[in-house]
Amino acid sequence: MTNFKIIQKRNIWLGISGALFAVFLVFLIVWGLKYGIDFTGGSLLEVKFTGTRPSVSQVETGLADLKLSSLIIQSVGEQDVMLKFQETAEETHQAILGKLDELAKKENKNNLIEEQRFGSVGPSIGAELKIKSLWAIFFALIAMLSYITYAFRKVSRPIASWKYGSAAIIAMFHDVVITMGVFAFLGHYYGIEINTAFVAAILTVLGYSVHDTIVVFDRLRENLPKSNEDFAGTVNTSLNQTIIRSLNTSLTVLLVLAAIIIFGGASIRTFVLALAIGIGVGTYSSIFVASPILVVWDKLRK
């Protein structure tokens, strides 16, 4: 088996991670995230097609000329389509109805649209919920740190067990900041907005990042009692034993996500893109960030 010198080149990997983290943190602070209708509110329109209902992609194409902000299209029941968008002007409302009527009659002149409802929709994530979400993430991090510390309690040498949990959380924070920084960049230059699905994606990235890191740490825990190498050598051996598994697992997930990004609907594209970025960065950090941090801690201790 090829023995990759990962730990021996830790300064390079940590330098790359540090540079990426700093750049995307600046993007996040300077530009911020571009919030969609779930955060800002807007309008909700539901129409019924008396004949054949067009697909979501057909409706999206038919309304492209109107350049609606934060447009979300959902099929409801057998004949209805529900639209959410930021514009609230009556002129926009009538223009949408006109486009939908043209779309309905494109293949069947007897196909009509019936407006079911139109009104304003408030942001689904209020300030109070945002604060509660931050507290939930904080307590989740404390719980992860406590659990990993307990799980590695018998591996207290050469570094304390709580440092394993701290390294996992540092890697996880690294993954989330870079993912959010990428969306700050995409929002600033390409107008990509985030919605409630993005929040779910970030929480998923948190879980995936910790899971991938713990796989490496668990192998390290198994190797430490029987290894004749120093701590850095044992960490490098453990990484080499798990790196192919981690890369193969992440690659299969990313291939599926890439297919969804290309062929899936616009309503889930933000969610899937956030997952793909987070999982890609998380795979890197579990190998090239979390474990090297343990070795750096050991070197500092000495």
C-alpha atoms as a PDB file:
ATOM      1  CA  MET A   1       0.000   0.000   0.000  1.00  0.00           C
ATOM      2  CA  THR A   2       1.258   3.465  -0.910  1.00  0.00           C
ATOM      3  CA  ASN A   3       2.231   5.480   2.142  1.00  0.00           C
ATOM      4  CA  PHE A   4       1.313   9.117   1.497  1.00  0.00           C
ATOM      5  CA  LYS A   5       3.346  11.636   3.504  1.00  0.00           C
ATOM      6  CA  ILE A   6       0.333  13.641   4.667  1.00  0.00           C
ATOM      7  CA  ILE A   7       1.370  14.572   8.198  1.00  0.00           C
ATOM      8  CA  GLN A   8       4.946  15.262   7.134  1.00  0.00           C
ATOM      9  CA  LYS A   9       3.604  17.966   4.788  1.00  0.00           C
ATOM     10  CA  ARG A  10       1.020  19.293   7.240  1.00  0.00           C
ATOM     11  CA  ASN A  11       2.247  22.884   6.965  1.00  0.00           C
ATOM     12  CA  ILE A  12       1.284  22.900   3.275  1.00  0.00           C
ATOM     13  CA  TRP A  13      -2.223  21.503   3.891  1.00  0.00           C
ATOM     14  CA  LEU A  14      -2.900  23.760   6.865  1.00  0.00           C
ATOM     15  CA  GLY A  15      -1.571  26.730   4.886  1.00  0.00           C
ATOM     16  CA  ILE A  16      -3.995  26.011   2.020  1.00  0.00           C
ATOM     17  CA  SER A  17      -6.886  25.632   4.453  1.00  0.00           C
ATOM     18  CA  GLY A  18      -5.937  28.795   6.314  1.00  0.00           C
ATOM     19  CA  ALA A  19      -5.789  30.814   3.095  1.00  0.00           C
ATOM     20  CA  LEU A  20      -9.151  29.501   1.843  1.00  0.00           C
ATOM     21  CA  PHE A  21     -10.743  30.065   5.245  1.00  0.00           C
ATOM     22  CA  ALA A  22      -9.488  33.668   5.403  1.00  0.00           C
ATOM     23  CA  VAL A  23     -10.602  34.508   1.843  1.00  0.00           C
ATOM     24  CA  PHE A  24     -14.112  33.121   2.185  1.00  0.00           C
ATOM     25  CA  LEU A  25     -14.521  34.561   5.686  1.00  0.00           C
ATOM     26  CA  VAL A  26     -13.778  38.006   4.195  1.00  0.00           C
ATOM     27  CA  PHE A  27     -16.360  37.342   1.457  1.00  0.00           C
ATOM     28  CA  LEU A  28     -18.905  36.398   4.106  1.00  0.00           C
ATOM     29  CA  ILE A  29     -18.221  39.458   6.258  1.00  0.00           C
ATOM     30  CA  VAL A  30     -17.985  42.009   3.429  1.00  0.00           C
ATOM     31  CA  TRP A  31     -20.775  40.781   1.112  1.00  0.00           C
ATOM     32  CA  GLY A  32     -22.914  38.628   3.384  1.00  0.00           C
ATOM     33  CA  LEU A  33     -25.475  36.160   2.087  1.00  0.00           C
ATOM     34  CA  LYS A  34     -28.202  37.077  -0.391  1.00  0.00           C
ATOM     35  CA  TYR A  35     -31.455  36.082   1.304  1.00  0.00           C
ATOM     36  CA  GLY A  36     -34.364  34.629  -0.612  1.00  0.00           C
ATOM     37  CA  ILE A  37     -38.090  34.888  -0.018  1.00  0.00           C
ATOM     38  CA  ASP A  38     -37.984  32.495   2.941  1.00  0.00           C
ATOM     39  CA  PHE A  39     -36.016  35.158   4.835  1.00  0.00           C
ATOM     40  CA  THR A  40     -37.358  38.382   3.332  1.00  0.00           C
ATOM     41  CA  GLY A  41     -41.003  37.694   2.434  1.00  0.00           C
ATOM     42  CA  GLY A  42     -42.790  38.483  -0.826  1.00  0.00           C
ATOM     43  CA  SER A  43     -45.823  37.264  -2.783  1.00  0.00           C
ATOM     44  CA  LEU A  44     -47.609  33.945  -3.160  1.00  0.00           C
ATOM     45  CA  LEU A  45     -49.691  33.089  -6.222  1.00  0.00           C
ATOM     46  CA  GLU A  46     -51.550  29.835  -6.807  1.00  0.00           C
ATOM     47  CA  VAL A  47     -53.232  29.064 -10.126  1.00  0.00           C
ATOM     48  CA  LYS A  48     -55.158  26.077 -11.451  1.00  0.00           C
ATOM     49  CA  PHE A  49     -54.850  24.766 -15.006  1.00  0.00           C
ATOM     50  CA  THR A  50     -58.164  23.422 -16.317  1.00  0.00           C
ATOM     51  CA  GLY A  51     -56.325  21.221 -18.835  1.00  0.00           C
ATOM     52  CA  THR A  52     -52.839  19.738 -18.822  1.00  0.00           C
ATOM     53  CA  ARG A  53     -50.588  21.334 -16.231  1.00  0.00           C
ATOM     54  CA  PRO A  54     -47.140  22.339 -17.574  1.00  0.00           C
ATOM     55  CA  SER A  55     -44.052  21.065 -15.779  1.00  0.00           C
ATOM     56  CA  VAL A  56     -42.112  23.162 -13.291  1.00  0.00           C
ATOM     57  CA  SER A  57     -39.302  23.647 -15.823  1.00  0.00           C
ATOM     58  CA  GLN A  58     -41.800  24.838 -18.466  1.00  0.00           C
ATOM     59  CA  VAL A  59     -43.278  27.377 -16.054  1.00  0.00           C
ATOM     60  CA  GLU A  60     -39.783  28.538 -15.118  1.00  0.00           C
ATOM     61  CA  THR A  61     -38.885  29.015 -18.776  1.00  0.00           C
ATOM     62  CA  GLY A  62     -42.173  30.779 -19.529  1.00  0.00           C
ATOM     63  CA  LEU A  63     -41.614  33.322 -16.744  1.00  0.00           C
ATOM     64  CA  ALA A  64     -37.902  33.874 -17.475  1.00  0.00           C
ATOM     65  CA  ASP A  65     -38.529  37.192 -19.264  1.00  0.00           C
ATOM     66  CA  LEU A  66     -40.078  38.706 -16.129  1.00  0.00           C
ATOM     67  CA  LYS A  67     -36.853  38.133 -14.146  1.00  0.00           C
ATOM     68  CA  LEU A  68     -38.685  37.459 -10.894  1.00  0.00           C
ATOM     69  CA  SER A  69     -36.542  37.560  -7.755  1.00  0.00           C
ATOM     70  CA  SER A  70     -36.348  34.496  -5.496  1.00  0.00           C
ATOM     71  CA  LEU A  71     -38.806  32.603  -7.699  1.00  0.00           C
ATOM     72  CA  ILE A  72     -39.924  29.278  -6.214  1.00  0.00           C
ATOM     73  CA  ILE A  73     -42.264  27.070  -8.274  1.00  0.00           C
ATOM     74  CA  GLN A  74     -44.115  24.113  -6.747  1.00  0.00           C
ATOM     75  CA  SER A  75     -46.691  21.712  -8.122  1.00  0.00           C
ATOM     76  CA  VAL A  76     -49.765  21.395  -5.880  1.00  0.00           C
ATOM     77  CA  GLY A  77     -52.245  18.551  -6.242  1.00  0.00           C
ATOM     78  CA  GLU A  78     -53.128  17.448  -9.765  1.00  0.00           C
ATOM     79  CA  GLN A  79     -53.752  20.760 -11.552  1.00  0.00           C
ATOM     80  CA  ASP A  80     -52.355  23.621  -9.431  1.00  0.00           C
ATOM     81  CA  VAL A  81     -49.050  25.473  -9.466  1.00  0.00           C
ATOM     82  CA  MET A  82     -47.872  27.683  -6.614  1.00  0.00           C
ATOM     83  CA  LEU A  83     -45.390  30.519  -7.151  1.00  0.00           C
ATOM     84  CA  LYS A  84     -43.423  32.460  -4.553  1.00  0.00           C
ATOM     85  CA  PHE A  85     -41.479  35.584  -5.518  1.00  0.00           C
ATOM     86  CA  GLN A  86     -40.296  38.828  -3.942  1.00  0.00           C
ATOM     87  CA  GLU A  87     -42.132  41.348  -6.143  1.00  0.00           C
ATOM     88  CA  THR A  88     -45.467  42.554  -4.738  1.00  0.00           C
ATOM     89  CA  ALA A  89     -46.628  45.042  -7.417  1.00  0.00           C
ATOM     90  CA  GLU A  90     -49.994  44.438  -9.105  1.00  0.00           C
ATOM     91  CA  GLU A  91     -48.389  44.971 -12.519  1.00  0.00           C
ATOM     92  CA  THR A  92     -46.103  42.005 -11.863  1.00  0.00           C
ATOM     93  CA  HIS A  93     -49.075  39.955 -10.691  1.00  0.00           C
ATOM     94  CA  GLN A  94     -50.971  40.583 -13.925  1.00  0.00           C
ATOM     95  CA  ALA A  95     -47.881  40.010 -16.068  1.00  0.00           C
ATOM     96  CA  ILE A  96     -47.395  36.571 -14.466  1.00  0.00           C
ATOM     97  CA  LEU A  97     -51.027  35.652 -15.099  1.00  0.00           C
ATOM     98  CA  GLY A  98     -50.608  36.690 -18.723  1.00  0.00           C
ATOM     99  CA  LYS A  99     -47.506  34.540 -19.185  1.00  0.00           C
ATOM    100  CA  LEU A 100     -49.179  31.550 -17.528  1.00  0.00           C
ATOM    101  CA  ASP A 101     -52.216  31.964 -19.766  1.00  0.00           C
ATOM    102  CA  GLU A 102     -49.972  31.962 -22.836  1.00  0.00           C
ATOM    103  CA  LEU A 103     -48.220  28.863 -21.536  1.00  0.00           C
ATOM    104  CA  ALA A 104     -51.526  27.097 -20.876  1.00  0.00           C
ATOM    105  CA  LYS A 105     -52.810  27.732 -24.403  1.00  0.00           C
ATOM    106  CA  LYS A 106     -49.530  26.930 -26.119  1.00  0.00           C
ATOM    107  CA  GLU A 107     -50.474  23.289 -26.713  1.00  0.00           C
ATOM    108  CA  ASN A 108     -54.202  23.402 -25.996  1.00  0.00           C
ATOM    109  CA  LYS A 109     -56.285  26.503 -26.698  1.00  0.00           C
ATOM    110  CA  ASN A 110     -59.019  25.241 -24.376  1.00  0.00           C
ATOM    111  CA  ASN A 111     -56.645  25.068 -21.436  1.00  0.00           C
ATOM    112  CA  LEU A 112     -57.388  27.944 -19.057  1.00  0.00           C
ATOM    113  CA  ILE A 113     -55.935  29.157 -15.790  1.00  0.00           C
ATOM    114  CA  GLU A 114     -57.952  29.992 -12.691  1.00  0.00           C
ATOM    115  CA  GLU A 115     -56.375  32.095  -9.966  1.00  0.00           C
ATOM    116  CA  GLN A 116     -56.874  30.368  -6.626  1.00  0.00           C
ATOM    117  CA  ARG A 117     -55.192  32.909  -4.385  1.00  0.00           C
ATOM    118  CA  PHE A 118     -52.741  35.801  -4.364  1.00  0.00           C
ATOM    119  CA  GLY A 119     -51.306  37.605  -1.374  1.00  0.00           C
ATOM    120  CA  SER A 120     -48.233  38.504   0.588  1.00  0.00           C
ATOM    121  CA  VAL A 121     -46.176  35.892   2.400  1.00  0.00           C
ATOM    122  CA  GLY A 122     -44.051  36.713   5.423  1.00  0.00           C
ATOM    123  CA  PRO A 123     -40.525  35.434   6.005  1.00  0.00           C
ATOM    124  CA  SER A 124     -40.655  31.880   7.320  1.00  0.00           C
ATOM    125  CA  ILE A 125     -37.507  32.390   9.383  1.00  0.00           C
ATOM    126  CA  GLY A 126     -37.947  35.270  11.793  1.00  0.00           C
ATOM    127  CA  ALA A 127     -35.355  36.900  14.018  1.00  0.00           C
ATOM    128  CA  GLU A 128     -36.382  34.775  17.000  1.00  0.00           C
ATOM    129  CA  LEU A 129     -36.016  31.553  15.036  1.00  0.00           C
ATOM    130  CA  LYS A 130     -32.603  32.631  13.767  1.00  0.00           C
ATOM    131  CA  ILE A 131     -31.419  33.168  17.346  1.00  0.00           C
ATOM    132  CA  LYS A 132     -32.833  29.796  18.411  1.00  0.00           C
ATOM    133  CA  SER A 133     -31.059  28.148  15.486  1.00  0.00           C
ATOM    134  CA  LEU A 134     -27.737  29.648  16.589  1.00  0.00           C
ATOM    135  CA  TRP A 135     -28.302  28.434  20.140  1.00  0.00           C
ATOM    136  CA  ALA A 136     -29.198  24.978  18.832  1.00  0.00           C
ATOM    137  CA  ILE A 137     -25.955  24.840  16.846  1.00  0.00           C
ATOM    138  CA  PHE A 138     -23.988  26.029  19.886  1.00  0.00           C
ATOM    139  CA  PHE A 139     -25.428  23.336  22.146  1.00  0.00           C
ATOM    140  CA  ALA A 140     -24.930  20.737  19.405  1.00  0.00           C
ATOM    141  CA  LEU A 141     -21.232  21.673  19.266  1.00  0.00           C
ATOM    142  CA  ILE A 142     -20.928  21.378  23.051  1.00  0.00           C
ATOM    143  CA  ALA A 143     -22.652  17.985  22.919  1.00  0.00           C
ATOM    144  CA  MET A 144     -20.294  16.791  20.151  1.00  0.00           C
ATOM    145  CA  LEU A 145     -17.250  17.972  22.068  1.00  0.00           C
ATOM    146  CA  SER A 146     -18.453  16.232  25.226  1.00  0.00           C
ATOM    147  CA  TYR A 147     -19.264  12.983  23.458  1.00  0.00           C
ATOM    148  CA  ILE A 148     -15.968  12.783  21.542  1.00  0.00           C
ATOM    149  CA  THR A 149     -14.065  13.603  24.730  1.00  0.00           C
ATOM    150  CA  TYR A 150     -15.872  10.742  26.491  1.00  0.00           C
ATOM    151  CA  ALA A 151     -15.398   8.325  23.580  1.00  0.00           C
ATOM    152  CA  PHE A 152     -11.642   8.990  23.540  1.00  0.00           C
ATOM    153  CA  ARG A 153     -11.229   9.107  27.303  1.00  0.00           C
ATOM    154  CA  LYS A 154      -8.933   6.034  27.261  1.00  0.00           C
ATOM    155  CA  VAL A 155      -6.671   7.655  24.682  1.00  0.00           C
ATOM    156  CA  SER A 156      -5.350  10.456  26.844  1.00  0.00           C
ATOM    157  CA  ARG A 157      -1.752  10.170  25.691  1.00  0.00           C
ATOM    158  CA  PRO A 158       0.111  11.799  24.125  1.00  0.00           C
ATOM    159  CA  ILE A 159      -2.625  14.471  23.911  1.00  0.00           C
ATOM    160  CA  ALA A 160      -5.736  14.974  26.030  1.00  0.00           C
ATOM    161  CA  SER A 161      -8.977  13.367  24.860  1.00  0.00           C
ATOM    162  CA  TRP A 162     -10.831  16.695  24.649  1.00  0.00           C
ATOM    163  CA  LYS A 163      -8.441  17.815  21.905  1.00  0.00           C
ATOM    164  CA  TYR A 164      -9.868  15.189  19.545  1.00  0.00           C
ATOM    165  CA  GLY A 165     -13.280  16.816  19.904  1.00  0.00           C
ATOM    166  CA  SER A 166     -11.798  20.283  19.540  1.00  0.00           C
ATOM    167  CA  ALA A 167      -9.967  19.306  16.340  1.00  0.00           C
ATOM    168  CA  ALA A 168     -13.200  17.874  14.883  1.00  0.00           C
ATOM    169  CA  ILE A 169     -15.102  21.057  15.708  1.00  0.00           C
ATOM    170  CA  ILE A 170     -12.360  23.265  14.226  1.00  0.00           C
ATOM    171  CA  ALA A 171     -12.540  21.252  10.999  1.00  0.00           C
ATOM    172  CA  MET A 172     -16.328  21.495  11.014  1.00  0.00           C
ATOM    173  CA  PHE A 173     -16.234  25.274  11.529  1.00  0.00           C
ATOM    174  CA  HIS A 174     -13.709  25.482   8.675  1.00  0.00           C
ATOM    175  CA  ASP A 175     -16.113  23.587   6.368  1.00  0.00           C
ATOM    176  CA  VAL A 176     -19.164  25.688   7.208  1.00  0.00           C
ATOM    177  CA  VAL A 177     -17.409  29.051   6.854  1.00  0.00           C
ATOM    178  CA  ILE A 178     -15.953  28.118   3.452  1.00  0.00           C
ATOM    179  CA  THR A 179     -19.342  26.831   2.237  1.00  0.00           C
ATOM    180  CA  MET A 180     -21.115  30.000   3.356  1.00  0.00           C
ATOM    181  CA  GLY A 181     -18.301  32.137   1.912  1.00  0.00           C
ATOM    182  CA  VAL A 182     -18.750  30.467  -1.481  1.00  0.00           C
ATOM    183  CA  PHE A 183     -22.444  31.397  -1.404  1.00  0.00           C
ATOM    184  CA  ALA A 184     -21.575  34.957  -0.390  1.00  0.00           C
ATOM    185  CA  PHE A 185     -19.420  35.101  -3.550  1.00  0.00           C
ATOM    186  CA  LEU A 186     -22.131  33.497  -5.716  1.00  0.00           C
ATOM    187  CA  GLY A 187     -24.772  35.810  -4.282  1.00  0.00           C
ATOM    188  CA  HIS A 188     -22.689  38.922  -4.900  1.00  0.00           C
ATOM    189  CA  TYR A 189     -21.692  38.122  -8.485  1.00  0.00           C
ATOM    190  CA  TYR A 190     -24.408  35.768  -9.750  1.00  0.00           C
ATOM    191  CA  GLY A 191     -27.414  36.664  -7.593  1.00  0.00           C
ATOM    192  CA  ILE A 192     -27.767  33.177  -6.077  1.00  0.00           C
ATOM    193  CA  GLU A 193     -30.036  33.402  -3.047  1.00  0.00           C
ATOM    194  CA  ILE A 194     -30.317  31.174  -0.009  1.00  0.00           C
ATOM    195  CA  ASN A 195     -33.523  29.783   1.455  1.00  0.00           C
ATOM    196  CA  THR A 196     -34.595  27.433   4.227  1.00  0.00           C
ATOM    197  CA  ALA A 197     -33.156  24.485   2.280  1.00  0.00           C
ATOM    198  CA  PHE A 198     -29.719  26.115   2.608  1.00  0.00           C
ATOM    199  CA  VAL A 199     -30.048  26.016   6.402  1.00  0.00           C
ATOM    200  CA  ALA A 200     -30.822  22.294   6.181  1.00  0.00           C
ATOM    201  CA  ALA A 201     -27.790  21.817   3.913  1.00  0.00           C
ATOM    202  CA  ILE A 202     -25.472  23.572   6.386  1.00  0.00           C
ATOM    203  CA  LEU A 203     -26.724  21.380   9.228  1.00  0.00           C
ATOM    204  CA  THR A 204     -26.148  18.319   7.036  1.00  0.00           C
ATOM    205  CA  VAL A 205     -22.605  19.489   6.293  1.00  0.00           C
ATOM    206  CA  LEU A 206     -21.995  19.804  10.051  1.00  0.00           C
ATOM    207  CA  GLY A 207     -22.980  16.179  10.565  1.00  0.00           C
ATOM    208  CA  TYR A 208     -21.042  14.893   7.554  1.00  0.00           C
ATOM    209  CA  SER A 209     -17.900  16.776   8.544  1.00  0.00           C
ATOM    210  CA  VAL A 210     -17.882  15.319  12.054  1.00  0.00           C
ATOM    211  CA  HIS A 211     -18.658  11.823  10.758  1.00  0.00           C
ATOM    212  CA  ASP A 212     -15.776  11.843   8.267  1.00  0.00           C
ATOM    213  CA  THR A 213     -13.330  13.143  10.866  1.00  0.00           C
ATOM    214  CA  ILE A 214     -14.365  10.589  13.477  1.00  0.00           C
ATOM    215  CA  VAL A 215     -13.705   7.745  11.023  1.00  0.00           C
ATOM    216  CA  VAL A 216     -10.045   8.821  10.918  1.00  0.00           C
ATOM    217  CA  PHE A 217      -9.844   9.419  14.662  1.00  0.00           C
ATOM    218  CA  ASP A 218     -11.364   6.024  15.432  1.00  0.00           C
ATOM    219  CA  ARG A 219      -8.687   4.273  13.369  1.00  0.00           C
ATOM    220  CA  LEU A 220      -6.077   6.342  15.219  1.00  0.00           C
ATOM    221  CA  ARG A 221      -7.559   5.216  18.541  1.00  0.00           C
ATOM    222  CA  GLU A 222      -7.192   1.592  17.443  1.00  0.00           C
ATOM    223  CA  ASN A 223      -3.609   2.032  16.265  1.00  0.00           C
ATOM    224  CA  LEU A 224      -2.146   4.032  19.166  1.00  0.00           C
ATOM    225  CA  PRO A 225      -1.902   1.180  21.740  1.00  0.00           C
ATOM    226  CA  LYS A 226      -0.114  -1.187  19.315  1.00  0.00           C
ATOM    227  CA  SER A 227       1.961   1.248  17.232  1.00  0.00           C
ATOM    228  CA  ASN A 228       5.757   1.384  17.430  1.00  0.00           C
ATOM    229  CA  GLU A 229       5.838   4.758  15.648  1.00  0.00           C
ATOM    230  CA  ASP A 230       5.765   8.180  17.242  1.00  0.00           C
ATOM    231  CA  PHE A 231       2.457  10.053  17.399  1.00  0.00           C
ATOM    232  CA  ALA A 232       2.923  11.812  14.043  1.00  0.00           C
ATOM    233  CA  GLY A 233       3.812   8.534  12.355  1.00  0.00           C
ATOM    234  CA  THR A 234       0.810   6.764  13.866  1.00  0.00           C
ATOM    235  CA  VAL A 235      -1.513   9.546  12.704  1.00  0.00           C
ATOM    236  CA  ASN A 236      -0.069   9.332   9.191  1.00  0.00           C
ATOM    237  CA  THR A 237      -0.512   5.540   9.132  1.00  0.00           C
ATOM    238  CA  SER A 238      -4.119   5.902  10.294  1.00  0.00           C
ATOM    239  CA  LEU A 239      -4.802   8.448   7.568  1.00  0.00           C
ATOM    240  CA  ASN A 240      -3.358   6.165   4.904  1.00  0.00           C
ATOM    241  CA  GLN A 241      -5.587   3.331   6.128  1.00  0.00           C
ATOM    242  CA  THR A 242      -8.746   5.420   5.801  1.00  0.00           C
ATOM    243  CA  ILE A 243      -8.035   7.892   2.987  1.00  0.00           C
ATOM    244  CA  ILE A 244      -9.189   5.646   0.134  1.00  0.00           C
ATOM    245  CA  ARG A 245     -12.428   4.838   1.950  1.00  0.00           C
ATOM    246  CA  SER A 246     -13.113   8.522   2.626  1.00  0.00           C
ATOM    247  CA  LEU A 247     -12.366   9.565  -0.955  1.00  0.00           C
ATOM    248  CA  ASN A 248     -14.469   6.776  -2.479  1.00  0.00           C
ATOM    249  CA  THR A 249     -17.418   7.518  -0.203  1.00  0.00           C
ATOM    250  CA  SER A 250     -17.306  11.246  -0.912  1.00  0.00           C
ATOM    251  CA  LEU A 251     -16.806  10.737  -4.643  1.00  0.00           C
ATOM    252  CA  THR A 252     -19.911   8.556  -4.981  1.00  0.00           C
ATOM    253  CA  VAL A 253     -21.966  11.141  -3.054  1.00  0.00           C
ATOM    254  CA  LEU A 254     -20.607  14.007  -5.155  1.00  0.00           C
ATOM    255  CA  LEU A 255     -21.402  12.166  -8.400  1.00  0.00           C
ATOM    256  CA  VAL A 256     -25.023  11.814  -7.311  1.00  0.00           C
ATOM    257  CA  LEU A 257     -25.188  15.467  -6.251  1.00  0.00           C
ATOM    258  CA  ALA A 258     -23.647  16.560  -9.568  1.00  0.00           C
ATOM    259  CA  ALA A 259     -26.354  14.674 -11.463  1.00  0.00           C
ATOM    260  CA  ILE A 260     -29.048  16.396  -9.381  1.00  0.00           C
ATOM    261  CA  ILE A 261     -27.472  19.823  -9.953  1.00  0.00           C
ATOM    262  CA  ILE A 262     -27.423  19.241 -13.721  1.00  0.00           C
ATOM    263  CA  PHE A 263     -30.768  17.519 -14.187  1.00  0.00           C
ATOM    264  CA  GLY A 264     -32.732  18.488 -11.069  1.00  0.00           C
ATOM    265  CA  GLY A 265     -35.147  21.378 -10.658  1.00  0.00           C
ATOM    266  CA  ALA A 266     -34.172  24.901  -9.691  1.00  0.00           C
ATOM    267  CA  SER A 267     -36.055  24.629  -6.382  1.00  0.00           C
ATOM    268  CA  ILE A 268     -33.507  22.176  -4.925  1.00  0.00           C
ATOM    269  CA  ARG A 269     -30.389  23.392  -6.716  1.00  0.00           C
ATOM    270  CA  THR A 270     -29.232  25.664  -3.887  1.00  0.00           C
ATOM    271  CA  PHE A 271     -29.631  22.869  -1.348  1.00  0.00           C
ATOM    272  CA  VAL A 272     -27.723  20.351  -3.475  1.00  0.00           C
ATOM    273  CA  LEU A 273     -24.976  22.821  -4.410  1.00  0.00           C
ATOM    274  CA  ALA A 274     -24.406  23.668  -0.731  1.00  0.00           C
ATOM    275  CA  LEU A 275     -24.216  19.959   0.070  1.00  0.00           C
ATOM    276  CA  ALA A 276     -21.723  19.317  -2.737  1.00  0.00           C
ATOM    277  CA  ILE A 277     -19.439  22.174  -1.658  1.00  0.00           C
ATOM    278  CA  GLY A 278     -19.679  21.277   2.026  1.00  0.00           C
ATOM    279  CA  ILE A 279     -19.015  17.578   1.485  1.00  0.00           C
ATOM    280  CA  GLY A 280     -16.085  18.288  -0.818  1.00  0.00           C
ATOM    281  CA  VAL A 281     -14.501  20.686   1.677  1.00  0.00           C
ATOM    282  CA  GLY A 282     -15.394  18.347   4.564  1.00  0.00           C
ATOM    283  CA  THR A 283     -13.552  15.459   2.933  1.00  0.00           C
ATOM    284  CA  TYR A 284     -10.463  17.638   2.585  1.00  0.00           C
ATOM    285  CA  SER A 285     -10.628  18.877   6.179  1.00  0.00           C
ATOM    286  CA  SER A 286     -11.095  15.415   7.704  1.00  0.00           C
ATOM    287  CA  ILE A 287      -7.822  14.304   6.091  1.00  0.00           C
ATOM    288  CA  PHE A 288      -5.702  17.437   5.803  1.00  0.00           C
ATOM    289  CA  VAL A 289      -6.948  19.636   8.681  1.00  0.00           C
ATOM    290  CA  ALA A 290      -8.313  17.732  11.688  1.00  0.00           C
ATOM    291  CA  SER A 291      -5.530  15.141  12.003  1.00  0.00           C
ATOM    292  CA  PRO A 292      -2.645  17.563  11.344  1.00  0.00           C
ATOM    293  CA  ILE A 293      -4.087  19.801  14.095  1.00  0.00           C
ATOM    294  CA  LEU A 294      -3.648  16.912  16.561  1.00  0.00           C
ATOM    295  CA  VAL A 295       0.008  16.581  15.568  1.00  0.00           C
ATOM    296  CA  VAL A 296       0.559  20.343  15.857  1.00  0.00           C
ATOM    297  CA  TRP A 297      -0.930  20.221  19.352  1.00  0.00           C
ATOM    298  CA  ASP A 298       1.429  17.384  20.253  1.00  0.00           C
ATOM    299  CA  LYS A 299       4.435  19.318  18.927  1.00  0.00           C
ATOM    300  CA  LEU A 300       3.389  22.417  20.887  1.00  0.00           C
ATOM    301  CA  ARG A 301       3.014  20.324  24.038  1.00  0.00           C
ATOM    302  CA  LYS A 302       6.566  19.096  23.677  1.00  0.00           C
END
